[in-house]
Amino acid sequence: MDRNPYTPPQAETEISLSPKVAPRPIAVWLLIAMLLAVVLLFIVGIVQIVWVVMGNWSDVRSAGSLVVPLMWRLAVLAILLAAAFSAYARHRWSRWFGVALIVAFASFSIFRHDTTYYANSAARAGGHIGRFVFIPLIFAWWAYALAFSSKAKRYFQKPSPDAA
């Protein structure tokens, strides 16, 4: 069929009520992946603790001494899952909680006791440069990209209803 050249073009008349949202930055995906990895490690640790306790139940003197460490681990597990979900759901507080987690993780990696054996002084110097220069720079970039970049600010802001 031939198209009539005098007809007006088809205009989009459908109005979307859902606001346009910014895409999720890679820093948020990295935070969610890190949180889920830590959650997985906590789950494995909890299962191992329960497995050892059940295997040695006759040696347990007080069930109360087992409940406190288990409840502590379950509480941390719930907090980490809530943080991962809130980062996925664009909650404003997850931006700052994510920065706090990144700072805590960076502090742990910098200030932990180093048990690495180095073959010579050059290897030791390289290890220290990596540990005290490159790793903090990577964590600083991650914190900037998660909380202070323009993509992150758009991602974590509440979408306006008239942004359709």
C-alpha atoms as a PDB file:
ATOM      1  CA  MET A   1       0.000   0.000   0.000  1.00  0.00           C
ATOM      2  CA  ASP A   2       1.072   3.508  -0.690  1.00  0.00           C
ATOM      3  CA  ARG A   3       1.282   5.926   2.147  1.00  0.00           C
ATOM      4  CA  ASN A   4      -0.479   9.245   1.809  1.00  0.00           C
ATOM      5  CA  PRO A   5       2.193  11.991   2.070  1.00  0.00           C
ATOM      6  CA  TYR A   6      -0.350  14.494   3.399  1.00  0.00           C
ATOM      7  CA  THR A   7      -1.294  12.590   6.544  1.00  0.00           C
ATOM      8  CA  PRO A   8       0.361  13.772   9.751  1.00  0.00           C
ATOM      9  CA  PRO A   9       2.906  11.468  11.409  1.00  0.00           C
ATOM     10  CA  GLN A  10       1.730   9.190  14.159  1.00  0.00           C
ATOM     11  CA  ALA A  11       2.190  10.917  17.489  1.00  0.00           C
ATOM     12  CA  GLU A  12       2.706   9.073  20.731  1.00  0.00           C
ATOM     13  CA  THR A  13      -0.450   9.752  22.695  1.00  0.00           C
ATOM     14  CA  GLU A  14       0.100   7.252  25.457  1.00  0.00           C
ATOM     15  CA  ILE A  15       1.197   8.778  28.748  1.00  0.00           C
ATOM     16  CA  SER A  16       3.250   6.631  31.052  1.00  0.00           C
ATOM     17  CA  LEU A  17       2.536   7.028  34.749  1.00  0.00           C
ATOM     18  CA  SER A  18       5.741   5.295  35.832  1.00  0.00           C
ATOM     19  CA  PRO A  19       8.594   7.781  36.280  1.00  0.00           C
ATOM     20  CA  LYS A  20      11.805   7.340  34.390  1.00  0.00           C
ATOM     21  CA  VAL A  21      14.564   6.140  36.684  1.00  0.00           C
ATOM     22  CA  ALA A  22      18.297   6.355  36.323  1.00  0.00           C
ATOM     23  CA  PRO A  23      20.158   3.152  35.521  1.00  0.00           C
ATOM     24  CA  ARG A  24      21.942   1.370  38.341  1.00  0.00           C
ATOM     25  CA  PRO A  25      25.652   2.343  38.486  1.00  0.00           C
ATOM     26  CA  ILE A  26      28.287  -0.370  38.458  1.00  0.00           C
ATOM     27  CA  ALA A  27      29.412   0.727  41.943  1.00  0.00           C
ATOM     28  CA  VAL A  28      25.980  -0.258  43.271  1.00  0.00           C
ATOM     29  CA  TRP A  29      26.212  -3.634  41.516  1.00  0.00           C
ATOM     30  CA  LEU A  30      29.651  -4.139  43.083  1.00  0.00           C
ATOM     31  CA  LEU A  31      28.290  -3.262  46.530  1.00  0.00           C
ATOM     32  CA  ILE A  32      25.386  -5.670  46.133  1.00  0.00           C
ATOM     33  CA  ALA A  33      27.738  -8.423  44.914  1.00  0.00           C
ATOM     34  CA  MET A  34      30.108  -7.833  47.835  1.00  0.00           C
ATOM     35  CA  LEU A  35      27.251  -7.874  50.338  1.00  0.00           C
ATOM     36  CA  LEU A  36      25.848 -11.085  48.890  1.00  0.00           C
ATOM     37  CA  ALA A  37      29.301 -12.695  48.980  1.00  0.00           C
ATOM     38  CA  VAL A  38      29.680 -11.761  52.653  1.00  0.00           C
ATOM     39  CA  VAL A  39      26.147 -13.057  53.308  1.00  0.00           C
ATOM     40  CA  LEU A  40      27.110 -16.336  51.671  1.00  0.00           C
ATOM     41  CA  LEU A  41      30.222 -16.567  53.860  1.00  0.00           C
ATOM     42  CA  PHE A  42      28.127 -15.872  56.971  1.00  0.00           C
ATOM     43  CA  ILE A  43      25.647 -18.577  55.966  1.00  0.00           C
ATOM     44  CA  VAL A  44      28.476 -21.073  55.473  1.00  0.00           C
ATOM     45  CA  GLY A  45      29.898 -20.100  58.878  1.00  0.00           C
ATOM     46  CA  ILE A  46      26.529 -20.491  60.590  1.00  0.00           C
ATOM     47  CA  VAL A  47      25.990 -23.895  58.987  1.00  0.00           C
ATOM     48  CA  GLN A  48      29.457 -25.005  60.088  1.00  0.00           C
ATOM     49  CA  ILE A  49      28.835 -23.858  63.658  1.00  0.00           C
ATOM     50  CA  VAL A  50      25.499 -25.666  63.789  1.00  0.00           C
ATOM     51  CA  TRP A  51      27.076 -28.784  62.251  1.00  0.00           C
ATOM     52  CA  VAL A  52      29.885 -28.861  64.835  1.00  0.00           C
ATOM     53  CA  VAL A  53      27.495 -28.214  67.734  1.00  0.00           C
ATOM     54  CA  MET A  54      25.103 -30.955  66.628  1.00  0.00           C
ATOM     55  CA  GLY A  55      28.002 -33.357  66.224  1.00  0.00           C
ATOM     56  CA  ASN A  56      29.229 -32.631  69.737  1.00  0.00           C
ATOM     57  CA  TRP A  57      25.910 -32.040  71.495  1.00  0.00           C
ATOM     58  CA  SER A  58      26.855 -34.292  74.426  1.00  0.00           C
ATOM     59  CA  ASP A  59      29.798 -31.991  75.255  1.00  0.00           C
ATOM     60  CA  VAL A  60      27.667 -28.819  75.362  1.00  0.00           C
ATOM     61  CA  ARG A  61      27.279 -27.536  78.910  1.00  0.00           C
ATOM     62  CA  SER A  62      24.969 -24.589  78.282  1.00  0.00           C
ATOM     63  CA  ALA A  63      22.651 -23.942  75.355  1.00  0.00           C
ATOM     64  CA  GLY A  64      22.672 -20.242  76.259  1.00  0.00           C
ATOM     65  CA  SER A  65      26.362 -19.961  75.423  1.00  0.00           C
ATOM     66  CA  LEU A  66      25.522 -21.171  71.918  1.00  0.00           C
ATOM     67  CA  VAL A  67      22.518 -18.939  71.347  1.00  0.00           C
ATOM     68  CA  VAL A  68      24.342 -15.606  71.764  1.00  0.00           C
ATOM     69  CA  PRO A  69      26.986 -16.177  69.040  1.00  0.00           C
ATOM     70  CA  LEU A  70      24.373 -17.650  66.727  1.00  0.00           C
ATOM     71  CA  MET A  71      21.983 -14.720  67.241  1.00  0.00           C
ATOM     72  CA  TRP A  72      24.828 -12.255  66.683  1.00  0.00           C
ATOM     73  CA  ARG A  73      25.654 -13.876  63.356  1.00  0.00           C
ATOM     74  CA  LEU A  74      22.002 -13.988  62.318  1.00  0.00           C
ATOM     75  CA  ALA A  75      21.630 -10.289  63.169  1.00  0.00           C
ATOM     76  CA  VAL A  76      24.654  -9.380  61.027  1.00  0.00           C
ATOM     77  CA  LEU A  77      23.233 -11.570  58.260  1.00  0.00           C
ATOM     78  CA  ALA A  78      19.895  -9.741  58.421  1.00  0.00           C
ATOM     79  CA  ILE A  79      21.598  -6.325  58.362  1.00  0.00           C
ATOM     80  CA  LEU A  80      23.684  -7.254  55.323  1.00  0.00           C
ATOM     81  CA  LEU A  81      20.660  -8.625  53.472  1.00  0.00           C
ATOM     82  CA  ALA A  82      18.698  -5.466  54.290  1.00  0.00           C
ATOM     83  CA  ALA A  83      21.573  -3.324  53.029  1.00  0.00           C
ATOM     84  CA  ALA A  84      21.779  -5.274  49.761  1.00  0.00           C
ATOM     85  CA  PHE A  85      18.033  -5.024  49.233  1.00  0.00           C
ATOM     86  CA  SER A  86      17.944  -1.314  50.071  1.00  0.00           C
ATOM     87  CA  ALA A  87      20.773  -0.571  47.622  1.00  0.00           C
ATOM     88  CA  TYR A  88      18.817  -2.459  44.968  1.00  0.00           C
ATOM     89  CA  ALA A  89      15.627  -0.579  45.898  1.00  0.00           C
ATOM     90  CA  ARG A  90      17.327   2.868  45.759  1.00  0.00           C
ATOM     91  CA  HIS A  91      16.872   3.804  49.415  1.00  0.00           C
ATOM     92  CA  ARG A  92      18.820   6.943  50.276  1.00  0.00           C
ATOM     93  CA  TRP A  93      20.312   5.551  53.488  1.00  0.00           C
ATOM     94  CA  SER A  94      21.863   2.611  51.623  1.00  0.00           C
ATOM     95  CA  ARG A  95      24.161   5.051  49.830  1.00  0.00           C
ATOM     96  CA  TRP A  96      25.729   6.156  53.112  1.00  0.00           C
ATOM     97  CA  PHE A  97      25.619   2.684  54.643  1.00  0.00           C
ATOM     98  CA  GLY A  98      27.446   1.434  51.548  1.00  0.00           C
ATOM     99  CA  VAL A  99      30.142   4.077  52.005  1.00  0.00           C
ATOM    100  CA  ALA A 100      30.486   3.040  55.655  1.00  0.00           C
ATOM    101  CA  LEU A 101      30.850  -0.600  54.597  1.00  0.00           C
ATOM    102  CA  ILE A 102      33.451   0.306  51.986  1.00  0.00           C
ATOM    103  CA  VAL A 103      35.426   2.314  54.573  1.00  0.00           C
ATOM    104  CA  ALA A 104      35.204  -0.596  57.030  1.00  0.00           C
ATOM    105  CA  PHE A 105      36.331  -3.072  54.393  1.00  0.00           C
ATOM    106  CA  ALA A 106      39.201  -0.777  53.343  1.00  0.00           C
ATOM    107  CA  SER A 107      40.240  -0.287  56.963  1.00  0.00           C
ATOM    108  CA  PHE A 108      40.244  -4.029  57.512  1.00  0.00           C
ATOM    109  CA  SER A 109      42.367  -4.647  54.426  1.00  0.00           C
ATOM    110  CA  ILE A 110      44.842  -1.917  55.372  1.00  0.00           C
ATOM    111  CA  PHE A 111      45.157  -2.427  59.140  1.00  0.00           C
ATOM    112  CA  ARG A 112      44.923  -6.197  59.391  1.00  0.00           C
ATOM    113  CA  HIS A 113      47.959  -8.147  60.524  1.00  0.00           C
ATOM    114  CA  ASP A 114      50.078  -9.027  57.513  1.00  0.00           C
ATOM    115  CA  THR A 115      51.303 -12.619  57.586  1.00  0.00           C
ATOM    116  CA  THR A 116      52.554 -12.652  54.002  1.00  0.00           C
ATOM    117  CA  TYR A 117      56.021 -14.068  53.455  1.00  0.00           C
ATOM    118  CA  TYR A 118      58.088 -12.046  50.985  1.00  0.00           C
ATOM    119  CA  ALA A 119      61.112 -13.501  49.214  1.00  0.00           C
ATOM    120  CA  ASN A 120      63.097 -10.244  49.297  1.00  0.00           C
ATOM    121  CA  SER A 121      62.863  -6.524  50.032  1.00  0.00           C
ATOM    122  CA  ALA A 122      61.615  -5.655  46.553  1.00  0.00           C
ATOM    123  CA  ALA A 123      58.658  -8.020  46.910  1.00  0.00           C
ATOM    124  CA  ARG A 124      57.943  -6.590  50.359  1.00  0.00           C
ATOM    125  CA  ALA A 125      58.028  -3.024  48.972  1.00  0.00           C
ATOM    126  CA  GLY A 126      55.653  -3.995  46.178  1.00  0.00           C
ATOM    127  CA  GLY A 127      53.307  -5.611  48.662  1.00  0.00           C
ATOM    128  CA  HIS A 128      53.319  -2.508  50.844  1.00  0.00           C
ATOM    129  CA  ILE A 129      52.734  -0.193  47.876  1.00  0.00           C
ATOM    130  CA  GLY A 130      49.797  -2.323  46.807  1.00  0.00           C
ATOM    131  CA  ARG A 131      48.400  -2.516  50.318  1.00  0.00           C
ATOM    132  CA  PHE A 132      48.866   1.107  51.358  1.00  0.00           C
ATOM    133  CA  VAL A 133      48.541   2.951  48.008  1.00  0.00           C
ATOM    134  CA  PHE A 134      46.629   1.040  45.343  1.00  0.00           C
ATOM    135  CA  ILE A 135      44.034  -0.703  47.518  1.00  0.00           C
ATOM    136  CA  PRO A 136      43.016   2.559  49.297  1.00  0.00           C
ATOM    137  CA  LEU A 137      42.790   4.319  45.911  1.00  0.00           C
ATOM    138  CA  ILE A 138      40.513   1.588  44.569  1.00  0.00           C
ATOM    139  CA  PHE A 139      38.299   1.781  47.649  1.00  0.00           C
ATOM    140  CA  ALA A 140      38.236   5.603  47.441  1.00  0.00           C
ATOM    141  CA  TRP A 141      37.121   5.384  43.804  1.00  0.00           C
ATOM    142  CA  TRP A 142      34.442   2.878  44.751  1.00  0.00           C
ATOM    143  CA  ALA A 143      33.137   5.094  47.564  1.00  0.00           C
ATOM    144  CA  TYR A 144      33.114   8.121  45.236  1.00  0.00           C
ATOM    145  CA  ALA A 145      31.316   6.200  42.507  1.00  0.00           C
ATOM    146  CA  LEU A 146      28.777   4.849  44.989  1.00  0.00           C
ATOM    147  CA  ALA A 147      27.863   8.054  46.809  1.00  0.00           C
ATOM    148  CA  PHE A 148      29.202  11.206  45.196  1.00  0.00           C
ATOM    149  CA  SER A 149      29.237  10.756  41.418  1.00  0.00           C
ATOM    150  CA  SER A 150      26.511  12.269  39.268  1.00  0.00           C
ATOM    151  CA  LYS A 151      25.280   8.790  38.291  1.00  0.00           C
ATOM    152  CA  ALA A 152      24.958   7.790  41.935  1.00  0.00           C
ATOM    153  CA  LYS A 153      23.156  11.008  42.828  1.00  0.00           C
ATOM    154  CA  ARG A 154      20.655  10.428  40.026  1.00  0.00           C
ATOM    155  CA  TYR A 155      20.229   6.783  40.999  1.00  0.00           C
ATOM    156  CA  PHE A 156      19.553   7.454  44.677  1.00  0.00           C
ATOM    157  CA  GLN A 157      17.313  10.490  44.289  1.00  0.00           C
ATOM    158  CA  LYS A 158      13.595  10.009  44.546  1.00  0.00           C
ATOM    159  CA  PRO A 159      12.029  10.055  41.074  1.00  0.00           C
ATOM    160  CA  SER A 160       9.706  12.996  40.610  1.00  0.00           C
ATOM    161  CA  PRO A 161       6.159  12.197  39.504  1.00  0.00           C
ATOM    162  CA  ASP A 162       6.334  14.716  36.638  1.00  0.00           C
ATOM    163  CA  ALA A 163       9.494  13.107  35.156  1.00  0.00           C
ATOM    164  CA  ALA A 164       7.443  10.906  32.835  1.00  0.00           C
END
